[in-house]
Amino acid sequence: MSDQVVLIEKLEKRFGDLQVLKGIDLAVNQGDVLAIIGPSGSGKTTLLRCINFLQPYDRGRVYIDGELIGYKEENGRLIKRPESTVARQRSKVGMVFQQFNLFPHMTALENVTLGLVQVKGVSRAEADDIGRNWLAKVGLSDKVDSYPAELSGGQQQRVGIARAVAVEPKIVLFDEVTSALDPELVGEVLSVMKSLAENYHMTMLVVTHEMLFAKEVANRVVFMDEGVVIEDGLPAATLSDPKTERLRSFLRRFEQIL
């Protein structure tokens, strides 16, 4: 059996007259940590949202574990699947958002366990055990009963990560998860993500501007611009010796870091 978890073929997405994705081809294997970099507006977030079908795509295919996501194919045409099927498919994908997206009226533990109970059908007692375990792993064992308003941005984002991984997804998508944080809180979130990669071998797609994370933690870097993949390769080579002038010019602003 293939260790390929995600396969994207000729993916296209439009918003009105604006074509945001222009035929993306990408394959991601089990345990890959794929850093997706590129300027704002290059289609990175849209790509993530198409993978878990938060954003329906117009053309092409997205497969997770060999299953076509969001659509079924009949006579070469894509027909949208019922919402119940999409919800089941979406449970294979954890997502951590830029703006945390925690429920303000729920404690950290309740936020983490919601998907376990409602989507996975896990008992409340078992869900609480799993939730407490993951909150401990992200360094928040003393915050299980705290509400989002009582937590720092970094703590809220770590709750978001615990929520995403608690349901044992096939892949976890991270959408610029440090960009809304104060600079001193960025490190605590990146260290949790590094731990997920190194200790749990999670398959991760990470849209990020954190070039050191891309260089040190990712095992692949994809550079996107204007809806296409410009470069895809090993972090050290891609970031230190880019093949294209477009990536060279993008990386100039990070020269002191790299």
C-alpha atoms as a PDB file:
ATOM      1  CA  MET A   1       0.000   0.000   0.000  1.00  0.00           C
ATOM      2  CA  SER A   2       1.261   3.483  -0.914  1.00  0.00           C
ATOM      3  CA  ASP A   3       2.378   5.819   1.843  1.00  0.00           C
ATOM      4  CA  GLN A   4       0.928   8.719  -0.153  1.00  0.00           C
ATOM      5  CA  VAL A   5      -1.632  10.562   1.972  1.00  0.00           C
ATOM      6  CA  VAL A   6      -2.573  13.522  -0.230  1.00  0.00           C
ATOM      7  CA  LEU A   7      -2.686  13.689  -4.016  1.00  0.00           C
ATOM      8  CA  ILE A   8      -3.650  16.915  -5.778  1.00  0.00           C
ATOM      9  CA  GLU A   9      -4.084  16.890  -9.550  1.00  0.00           C
ATOM     10  CA  LYS A  10      -4.505  19.974 -11.764  1.00  0.00           C
ATOM     11  CA  LEU A  11      -6.392  21.850  -9.040  1.00  0.00           C
ATOM     12  CA  GLU A  12      -8.121  25.053 -10.120  1.00  0.00           C
ATOM     13  CA  LYS A  13     -10.129  27.578  -8.142  1.00  0.00           C
ATOM     14  CA  ARG A  14     -11.736  30.841  -9.198  1.00  0.00           C
ATOM     15  CA  PHE A  15     -13.386  33.633  -7.268  1.00  0.00           C
ATOM     16  CA  GLY A  16     -15.408  35.383  -9.971  1.00  0.00           C
ATOM     17  CA  ASP A  17     -12.981  36.541 -12.646  1.00  0.00           C
ATOM     18  CA  LEU A  18      -9.946  35.957 -10.437  1.00  0.00           C
ATOM     19  CA  GLN A  19      -8.264  32.569 -10.878  1.00  0.00           C
ATOM     20  CA  VAL A  20      -6.510  31.857  -7.581  1.00  0.00           C
ATOM     21  CA  LEU A  21      -5.264  28.297  -8.250  1.00  0.00           C
ATOM     22  CA  LYS A  22      -4.046  27.503 -11.765  1.00  0.00           C
ATOM     23  CA  GLY A  23      -3.519  23.772 -12.028  1.00  0.00           C
ATOM     24  CA  ILE A  24      -1.735  22.710  -8.836  1.00  0.00           C
ATOM     25  CA  ASP A  25      -0.109  19.256  -8.796  1.00  0.00           C
ATOM     26  CA  LEU A  26       1.167  18.041  -5.429  1.00  0.00           C
ATOM     27  CA  ALA A  27       1.719  14.728  -3.640  1.00  0.00           C
ATOM     28  CA  VAL A  28       2.323  14.416   0.099  1.00  0.00           C
ATOM     29  CA  ASN A  29       3.558  11.240   1.780  1.00  0.00           C
ATOM     30  CA  GLN A  30       2.951   9.912   5.273  1.00  0.00           C
ATOM     31  CA  GLY A  31       5.073  11.844   7.774  1.00  0.00           C
ATOM     32  CA  ASP A  32       5.949  14.686   5.397  1.00  0.00           C
ATOM     33  CA  VAL A  33       6.214  18.163   6.882  1.00  0.00           C
ATOM     34  CA  LEU A  34       5.560  20.353   3.872  1.00  0.00           C
ATOM     35  CA  ALA A  35       6.168  24.088   4.284  1.00  0.00           C
ATOM     36  CA  ILE A  36       4.242  26.199   1.766  1.00  0.00           C
ATOM     37  CA  ILE A  37       5.752  29.640   1.292  1.00  0.00           C
ATOM     38  CA  GLY A  38       5.031  32.550  -1.015  1.00  0.00           C
ATOM     39  CA  PRO A  39       3.789  36.140  -1.138  1.00  0.00           C
ATOM     40  CA  SER A  40       0.333  37.167   0.046  1.00  0.00           C
ATOM     41  CA  GLY A  41      -2.290  36.400  -2.577  1.00  0.00           C
ATOM     42  CA  SER A  42      -0.380  33.500  -4.105  1.00  0.00           C
ATOM     43  CA  GLY A  43      -3.142  30.963  -3.307  1.00  0.00           C
ATOM     44  CA  LYS A  44      -1.597  29.222  -0.277  1.00  0.00           C
ATOM     45  CA  THR A  45      -4.596  29.512   2.062  1.00  0.00           C
ATOM     46  CA  THR A  46      -7.038  28.686  -0.739  1.00  0.00           C
ATOM     47  CA  LEU A  47      -5.056  25.510  -1.427  1.00  0.00           C
ATOM     48  CA  LEU A  48      -5.400  24.402   2.205  1.00  0.00           C
ATOM     49  CA  ARG A  49      -9.117  25.198   2.246  1.00  0.00           C
ATOM     50  CA  CYS A  50      -9.655  23.148  -0.925  1.00  0.00           C
ATOM     51  CA  ILE A  51      -7.853  20.153   0.602  1.00  0.00           C
ATOM     52  CA  ASN A  52     -10.412  19.848   3.406  1.00  0.00           C
ATOM     53  CA  PHE A  53     -13.239  21.182   1.200  1.00  0.00           C
ATOM     54  CA  LEU A  54     -13.918  24.269   3.263  1.00  0.00           C
ATOM     55  CA  GLN A  55     -13.630  25.797  -0.197  1.00  0.00           C
ATOM     56  CA  PRO A  56     -15.100  23.774  -3.093  1.00  0.00           C
ATOM     57  CA  TYR A  57     -12.735  23.649  -6.052  1.00  0.00           C
ATOM     58  CA  ASP A  58     -13.692  24.152  -9.696  1.00  0.00           C
ATOM     59  CA  ARG A  59     -11.493  21.701 -11.569  1.00  0.00           C
ATOM     60  CA  GLY A  60      -8.976  18.990 -10.815  1.00  0.00           C
ATOM     61  CA  ARG A  61      -8.984  16.442  -8.023  1.00  0.00           C
ATOM     62  CA  VAL A  62      -8.021  16.223  -4.344  1.00  0.00           C
ATOM     63  CA  TYR A  63      -7.529  12.743  -2.895  1.00  0.00           C
ATOM     64  CA  ILE A  64      -6.877  11.857   0.747  1.00  0.00           C
ATOM     65  CA  ASP A  65      -5.947   8.238   1.347  1.00  0.00           C
ATOM     66  CA  GLY A  66      -7.067   7.531  -2.206  1.00  0.00           C
ATOM     67  CA  GLU A  67     -10.570   8.942  -1.680  1.00  0.00           C
ATOM     68  CA  LEU A  68     -11.778  11.824  -3.848  1.00  0.00           C
ATOM     69  CA  ILE A  69     -12.645  14.707  -1.518  1.00  0.00           C
ATOM     70  CA  GLY A  70     -15.863  16.687  -1.795  1.00  0.00           C
ATOM     71  CA  TYR A  71     -17.098  15.207  -5.045  1.00  0.00           C
ATOM     72  CA  LYS A  72     -17.925  11.952  -6.730  1.00  0.00           C
ATOM     73  CA  GLU A  73     -17.058  11.438 -10.349  1.00  0.00           C
ATOM     74  CA  GLU A  74     -19.701  10.431 -12.871  1.00  0.00           C
ATOM     75  CA  ASN A  75     -18.861  10.260 -16.593  1.00  0.00           C
ATOM     76  CA  GLY A  76     -15.889  12.542 -16.043  1.00  0.00           C
ATOM     77  CA  ARG A  77     -17.972  15.179 -14.239  1.00  0.00           C
ATOM     78  CA  LEU A  78     -17.629  16.192 -10.594  1.00  0.00           C
ATOM     79  CA  ILE A  79     -20.825  16.004  -8.552  1.00  0.00           C
ATOM     80  CA  LYS A  80     -20.779  17.409  -5.051  1.00  0.00           C
ATOM     81  CA  ARG A  81     -21.177  14.848  -2.295  1.00  0.00           C
ATOM     82  CA  PRO A  82     -23.815  15.211   0.443  1.00  0.00           C
ATOM     83  CA  GLU A  83     -22.751  17.296   3.441  1.00  0.00           C
ATOM     84  CA  SER A  84     -22.773  14.219   5.691  1.00  0.00           C
ATOM     85  CA  THR A  85     -20.171  12.545   3.462  1.00  0.00           C
ATOM     86  CA  VAL A  86     -18.077  15.722   3.294  1.00  0.00           C
ATOM     87  CA  ALA A  87     -18.173  15.959   7.112  1.00  0.00           C
ATOM     88  CA  ARG A  88     -16.876  12.379   7.381  1.00  0.00           C
ATOM     89  CA  GLN A  89     -14.106  13.131   4.883  1.00  0.00           C
ATOM     90  CA  ARG A  90     -13.242  16.358   6.671  1.00  0.00           C
ATOM     91  CA  SER A  91     -12.704  14.427   9.904  1.00  0.00           C
ATOM     92  CA  LYS A  92      -9.552  12.996   8.279  1.00  0.00           C
ATOM     93  CA  VAL A  93      -8.079  16.493   8.204  1.00  0.00           C
ATOM     94  CA  GLY A  94      -7.142  18.608  11.214  1.00  0.00           C
ATOM     95  CA  MET A  95      -6.899  22.340  10.611  1.00  0.00           C
ATOM     96  CA  VAL A  96      -5.312  25.067  12.713  1.00  0.00           C
ATOM     97  CA  PHE A  97      -6.413  28.563  11.758  1.00  0.00           C
ATOM     98  CA  GLN A  98      -4.669  31.928  11.817  1.00  0.00           C
ATOM     99  CA  GLN A  99      -7.329  33.429  14.129  1.00  0.00           C
ATOM    100  CA  PHE A 100      -7.621  30.446  16.551  1.00  0.00           C
ATOM    101  CA  ASN A 101     -11.408  29.943  15.910  1.00  0.00           C
ATOM    102  CA  LEU A 102     -12.075  28.689  19.439  1.00  0.00           C
ATOM    103  CA  PHE A 103     -15.594  28.783  20.855  1.00  0.00           C
ATOM    104  CA  PRO A 104     -15.494  31.588  23.456  1.00  0.00           C
ATOM    105  CA  HIS A 105     -18.182  30.039  25.680  1.00  0.00           C
ATOM    106  CA  MET A 106     -16.313  26.719  25.973  1.00  0.00           C
ATOM    107  CA  THR A 107     -13.306  25.865  28.124  1.00  0.00           C
ATOM    108  CA  ALA A 108     -10.042  24.722  26.584  1.00  0.00           C
ATOM    109  CA  LEU A 109     -11.002  21.102  27.287  1.00  0.00           C
ATOM    110  CA  GLU A 110     -14.486  21.521  25.811  1.00  0.00           C
ATOM    111  CA  ASN A 111     -13.023  23.072  22.651  1.00  0.00           C
ATOM    112  CA  VAL A 112     -10.626  20.141  22.242  1.00  0.00           C
ATOM    113  CA  THR A 113     -13.220  17.427  22.888  1.00  0.00           C
ATOM    114  CA  LEU A 114     -16.072  18.807  20.767  1.00  0.00           C
ATOM    115  CA  GLY A 115     -14.984  17.068  17.567  1.00  0.00           C
ATOM    116  CA  LEU A 116     -14.247  13.819  19.377  1.00  0.00           C
ATOM    117  CA  VAL A 117     -17.783  13.640  20.763  1.00  0.00           C
ATOM    118  CA  GLN A 118     -19.786  15.094  17.867  1.00  0.00           C
ATOM    119  CA  VAL A 119     -17.856  13.801  14.849  1.00  0.00           C
ATOM    120  CA  LYS A 120     -16.063  10.689  16.102  1.00  0.00           C
ATOM    121  CA  GLY A 121     -18.790   9.574  18.539  1.00  0.00           C
ATOM    122  CA  VAL A 122     -16.349   9.094  21.399  1.00  0.00           C
ATOM    123  CA  SER A 123     -17.861   8.937  24.892  1.00  0.00           C
ATOM    124  CA  ARG A 124     -17.582  12.074  27.017  1.00  0.00           C
ATOM    125  CA  ALA A 125     -15.321  10.341  29.554  1.00  0.00           C
ATOM    126  CA  GLU A 126     -12.940   9.013  26.910  1.00  0.00           C
ATOM    127  CA  ALA A 127     -12.959  12.349  25.077  1.00  0.00           C
ATOM    128  CA  ASP A 128     -12.016  14.137  28.296  1.00  0.00           C
ATOM    129  CA  ASP A 129      -9.101  11.747  28.815  1.00  0.00           C
ATOM    130  CA  ILE A 130      -7.868  12.304  25.243  1.00  0.00           C
ATOM    131  CA  GLY A 131      -8.374  16.065  25.540  1.00  0.00           C
ATOM    132  CA  ARG A 132      -6.479  16.339  28.835  1.00  0.00           C
ATOM    133  CA  ASN A 133      -3.671  14.232  27.396  1.00  0.00           C
ATOM    134  CA  TRP A 134      -3.253  16.491  24.355  1.00  0.00           C
ATOM    135  CA  LEU A 135      -3.530  19.690  26.382  1.00  0.00           C
ATOM    136  CA  ALA A 136      -0.712  18.337  28.571  1.00  0.00           C
ATOM    137  CA  LYS A 137       1.367  17.578  25.462  1.00  0.00           C
ATOM    138  CA  VAL A 138       1.035  21.183  24.286  1.00  0.00           C
ATOM    139  CA  GLY A 139       1.955  22.457  27.757  1.00  0.00           C
ATOM    140  CA  LEU A 140      -1.516  23.458  28.963  1.00  0.00           C
ATOM    141  CA  SER A 141      -2.396  20.872  31.601  1.00  0.00           C
ATOM    142  CA  ASP A 142      -3.088  23.733  34.044  1.00  0.00           C
ATOM    143  CA  LYS A 143      -5.485  25.483  31.617  1.00  0.00           C
ATOM    144  CA  VAL A 144      -8.065  22.765  30.903  1.00  0.00           C
ATOM    145  CA  ASP A 145     -10.868  24.725  32.577  1.00  0.00           C
ATOM    146  CA  SER A 146      -9.847  28.151  31.251  1.00  0.00           C
ATOM    147  CA  TYR A 147     -11.915  30.006  28.652  1.00  0.00           C
ATOM    148  CA  PRO A 148     -10.269  31.491  25.540  1.00  0.00           C
ATOM    149  CA  ALA A 149     -10.551  35.046  26.918  1.00  0.00           C
ATOM    150  CA  GLU A 150      -8.415  33.950  29.887  1.00  0.00           C
ATOM    151  CA  LEU A 151      -5.613  32.656  27.634  1.00  0.00           C
ATOM    152  CA  SER A 152      -2.838  34.418  25.737  1.00  0.00           C
ATOM    153  CA  GLY A 153      -2.805  34.227  21.957  1.00  0.00           C
ATOM    154  CA  GLY A 154      -0.089  31.585  22.073  1.00  0.00           C
ATOM    155  CA  GLN A 155      -2.064  29.510  24.550  1.00  0.00           C
ATOM    156  CA  GLN A 156      -5.209  29.805  22.419  1.00  0.00           C
ATOM    157  CA  GLN A 157      -3.286  28.650  19.378  1.00  0.00           C
ATOM    158  CA  ARG A 158      -1.923  25.666  21.311  1.00  0.00           C
ATOM    159  CA  VAL A 159      -5.514  24.764  22.245  1.00  0.00           C
ATOM    160  CA  GLY A 160      -6.297  24.976  18.531  1.00  0.00           C
ATOM    161  CA  ILE A 161      -3.456  22.573  17.761  1.00  0.00           C
ATOM    162  CA  ALA A 162      -4.613  20.139  20.470  1.00  0.00           C
ATOM    163  CA  ARG A 163      -8.131  20.278  19.021  1.00  0.00           C
ATOM    164  CA  ALA A 164      -6.856  19.555  15.505  1.00  0.00           C
ATOM    165  CA  VAL A 165      -4.728  16.531  16.458  1.00  0.00           C
ATOM    166  CA  ALA A 166      -7.023  15.011  19.096  1.00  0.00           C
ATOM    167  CA  VAL A 167      -9.287  13.453  16.448  1.00  0.00           C
ATOM    168  CA  GLU A 168      -6.295  11.539  14.977  1.00  0.00           C
ATOM    169  CA  PRO A 169      -6.473  13.067  11.513  1.00  0.00           C
ATOM    170  CA  LYS A 170      -4.527  11.749   8.531  1.00  0.00           C
ATOM    171  CA  ILE A 171      -3.055  15.213   7.957  1.00  0.00           C
ATOM    172  CA  VAL A 172      -2.933  18.511   9.811  1.00  0.00           C
ATOM    173  CA  LEU A 173      -3.146  21.819   7.946  1.00  0.00           C
ATOM    174  CA  PHE A 174      -1.618  24.932   9.523  1.00  0.00           C
ATOM    175  CA  ASP A 175      -2.674  28.262   7.990  1.00  0.00           C
ATOM    176  CA  GLU A 176      -0.164  30.953   9.000  1.00  0.00           C
ATOM    177  CA  VAL A 177      -0.821  30.024  12.627  1.00  0.00           C
ATOM    178  CA  THR A 178       1.762  32.412  14.086  1.00  0.00           C
ATOM    179  CA  SER A 179       0.919  35.526  12.055  1.00  0.00           C
ATOM    180  CA  ALA A 180      -1.678  36.838  14.543  1.00  0.00           C
ATOM    181  CA  LEU A 181       0.642  36.348  17.538  1.00  0.00           C
ATOM    182  CA  ASP A 182       2.894  38.789  19.344  1.00  0.00           C
ATOM    183  CA  PRO A 183       6.514  37.976  18.387  1.00  0.00           C
ATOM    184  CA  GLU A 184       7.403  36.635  21.859  1.00  0.00           C
ATOM    185  CA  LEU A 185       4.572  34.064  21.622  1.00  0.00           C
ATOM    186  CA  VAL A 186       5.567  32.690  18.213  1.00  0.00           C
ATOM    187  CA  GLY A 187       8.273  30.395  19.594  1.00  0.00           C
ATOM    188  CA  GLU A 188       5.981  28.481  21.936  1.00  0.00           C
ATOM    189  CA  VAL A 189       3.632  27.581  19.071  1.00  0.00           C
ATOM    190  CA  LEU A 190       6.444  26.638  16.682  1.00  0.00           C
ATOM    191  CA  SER A 191       8.002  24.388  19.344  1.00  0.00           C
ATOM    192  CA  VAL A 192       4.714  22.487  19.684  1.00  0.00           C
ATOM    193  CA  MET A 193       4.565  22.049  15.909  1.00  0.00           C
ATOM    194  CA  LYS A 194       8.171  20.847  15.879  1.00  0.00           C
ATOM    195  CA  SER A 195       7.304  18.306  18.576  1.00  0.00           C
ATOM    196  CA  LEU A 196       4.353  17.008  16.509  1.00  0.00           C
ATOM    197  CA  ALA A 197       6.694  16.474  13.569  1.00  0.00           C
ATOM    198  CA  GLU A 198       9.572  14.901  15.483  1.00  0.00           C
ATOM    199  CA  ASN A 199       7.796  12.910  18.210  1.00  0.00           C
ATOM    200  CA  TYR A 200       4.527  11.919  16.521  1.00  0.00           C
ATOM    201  CA  HIS A 201       5.568  11.920  12.829  1.00  0.00           C
ATOM    202  CA  MET A 202       2.408  13.752  11.859  1.00  0.00           C
ATOM    203  CA  THR A 203       1.797  14.603   8.232  1.00  0.00           C
ATOM    204  CA  MET A 204       1.667  18.389   8.164  1.00  0.00           C
ATOM    205  CA  LEU A 205       1.071  21.044   5.493  1.00  0.00           C
ATOM    206  CA  VAL A 206       2.221  24.361   6.907  1.00  0.00           C
ATOM    207  CA  VAL A 207       1.566  27.695   5.221  1.00  0.00           C
ATOM    208  CA  THR A 208       4.117  29.931   6.913  1.00  0.00           C
ATOM    209  CA  HIS A 209       6.356  32.986   6.769  1.00  0.00           C
ATOM    210  CA  GLU A 210       8.606  31.453   9.444  1.00  0.00           C
ATOM    211  CA  MET A 211      11.576  30.603   7.256  1.00  0.00           C
ATOM    212  CA  LEU A 212      13.679  29.079  10.037  1.00  0.00           C
ATOM    213  CA  PHE A 213      10.842  26.650  10.785  1.00  0.00           C
ATOM    214  CA  ALA A 214      10.648  25.798   7.082  1.00  0.00           C
ATOM    215  CA  LYS A 215      14.407  25.247   6.949  1.00  0.00           C
ATOM    216  CA  GLU A 216      14.843  23.292  10.197  1.00  0.00           C
ATOM    217  CA  VAL A 217      11.605  21.328  10.645  1.00  0.00           C
ATOM    218  CA  ALA A 218      10.091  20.804   7.196  1.00  0.00           C
ATOM    219  CA  ASN A 219      11.404  18.063   4.944  1.00  0.00           C
ATOM    220  CA  ARG A 220       9.997  19.780   1.830  1.00  0.00           C
ATOM    221  CA  VAL A 221       9.390  23.375   0.810  1.00  0.00           C
ATOM    222  CA  VAL A 222       6.897  24.446  -1.846  1.00  0.00           C
ATOM    223  CA  PHE A 223       7.062  28.007  -3.170  1.00  0.00           C
ATOM    224  CA  MET A 224       3.812  29.313  -4.663  1.00  0.00           C
ATOM    225  CA  ASP A 225       3.242  32.495  -6.627  1.00  0.00           C
ATOM    226  CA  GLU A 226       0.167  33.664  -8.534  1.00  0.00           C
ATOM    227  CA  GLY A 227      -1.624  30.352  -8.142  1.00  0.00           C
ATOM    228  CA  VAL A 228       1.093  28.000  -9.330  1.00  0.00           C
ATOM    229  CA  VAL A 229       3.882  25.979  -7.710  1.00  0.00           C
ATOM    230  CA  ILE A 230       7.153  27.615  -8.789  1.00  0.00           C
ATOM    231  CA  GLU A 231       9.577  25.400  -6.825  1.00  0.00           C
ATOM    232  CA  ASP A 232       9.270  22.206  -4.775  1.00  0.00           C
ATOM    233  CA  GLY A 233      12.284  20.659  -3.098  1.00  0.00           C
ATOM    234  CA  LEU A 234      14.405  19.979  -0.046  1.00  0.00           C
ATOM    235  CA  PRO A 235      14.474  22.936   2.377  1.00  0.00           C
ATOM    236  CA  ALA A 236      18.247  23.492   2.480  1.00  0.00           C
ATOM    237  CA  ALA A 237      18.617  23.511  -1.297  1.00  0.00           C
ATOM    238  CA  THR A 238      15.397  25.385  -2.060  1.00  0.00           C
ATOM    239  CA  LEU A 239      15.986  28.145   0.487  1.00  0.00           C
ATOM    240  CA  SER A 240      19.759  28.458   0.056  1.00  0.00           C
ATOM    241  CA  ASP A 241      20.055  27.965  -3.688  1.00  0.00           C
ATOM    242  CA  PRO A 242      16.728  28.741  -5.376  1.00  0.00           C
ATOM    243  CA  LYS A 243      16.408  27.839  -9.043  1.00  0.00           C
ATOM    244  CA  THR A 244      14.225  30.797 -10.045  1.00  0.00           C
ATOM    245  CA  GLU A 245      14.699  34.549  -9.848  1.00  0.00           C
ATOM    246  CA  ARG A 246      11.167  34.817  -8.444  1.00  0.00           C
ATOM    247  CA  LEU A 247      12.047  32.765  -5.353  1.00  0.00           C
ATOM    248  CA  ARG A 248      15.415  34.516  -5.026  1.00  0.00           C
ATOM    249  CA  SER A 249      13.683  37.881  -4.899  1.00  0.00           C
ATOM    250  CA  PHE A 250      11.074  36.603  -2.393  1.00  0.00           C
ATOM    251  CA  LEU A 251      13.787  35.291  -0.055  1.00  0.00           C
ATOM    252  CA  ARG A 252      15.775  38.522  -0.003  1.00  0.00           C
ATOM    253  CA  ARG A 253      13.654  39.915   2.809  1.00  0.00           C
ATOM    254  CA  PHE A 254      14.635  36.894   4.947  1.00  0.00           C
ATOM    255  CA  GLU A 255      18.387  37.032   4.249  1.00  0.00           C
ATOM    256  CA  GLN A 256      19.324  37.891   7.842  1.00  0.00           C
ATOM    257  CA  ILE A 257      17.325  34.901   9.136  1.00  0.00           C
ATOM    258  CA  LEU A 258      18.558  32.368   6.616  1.00  0.00           C
END
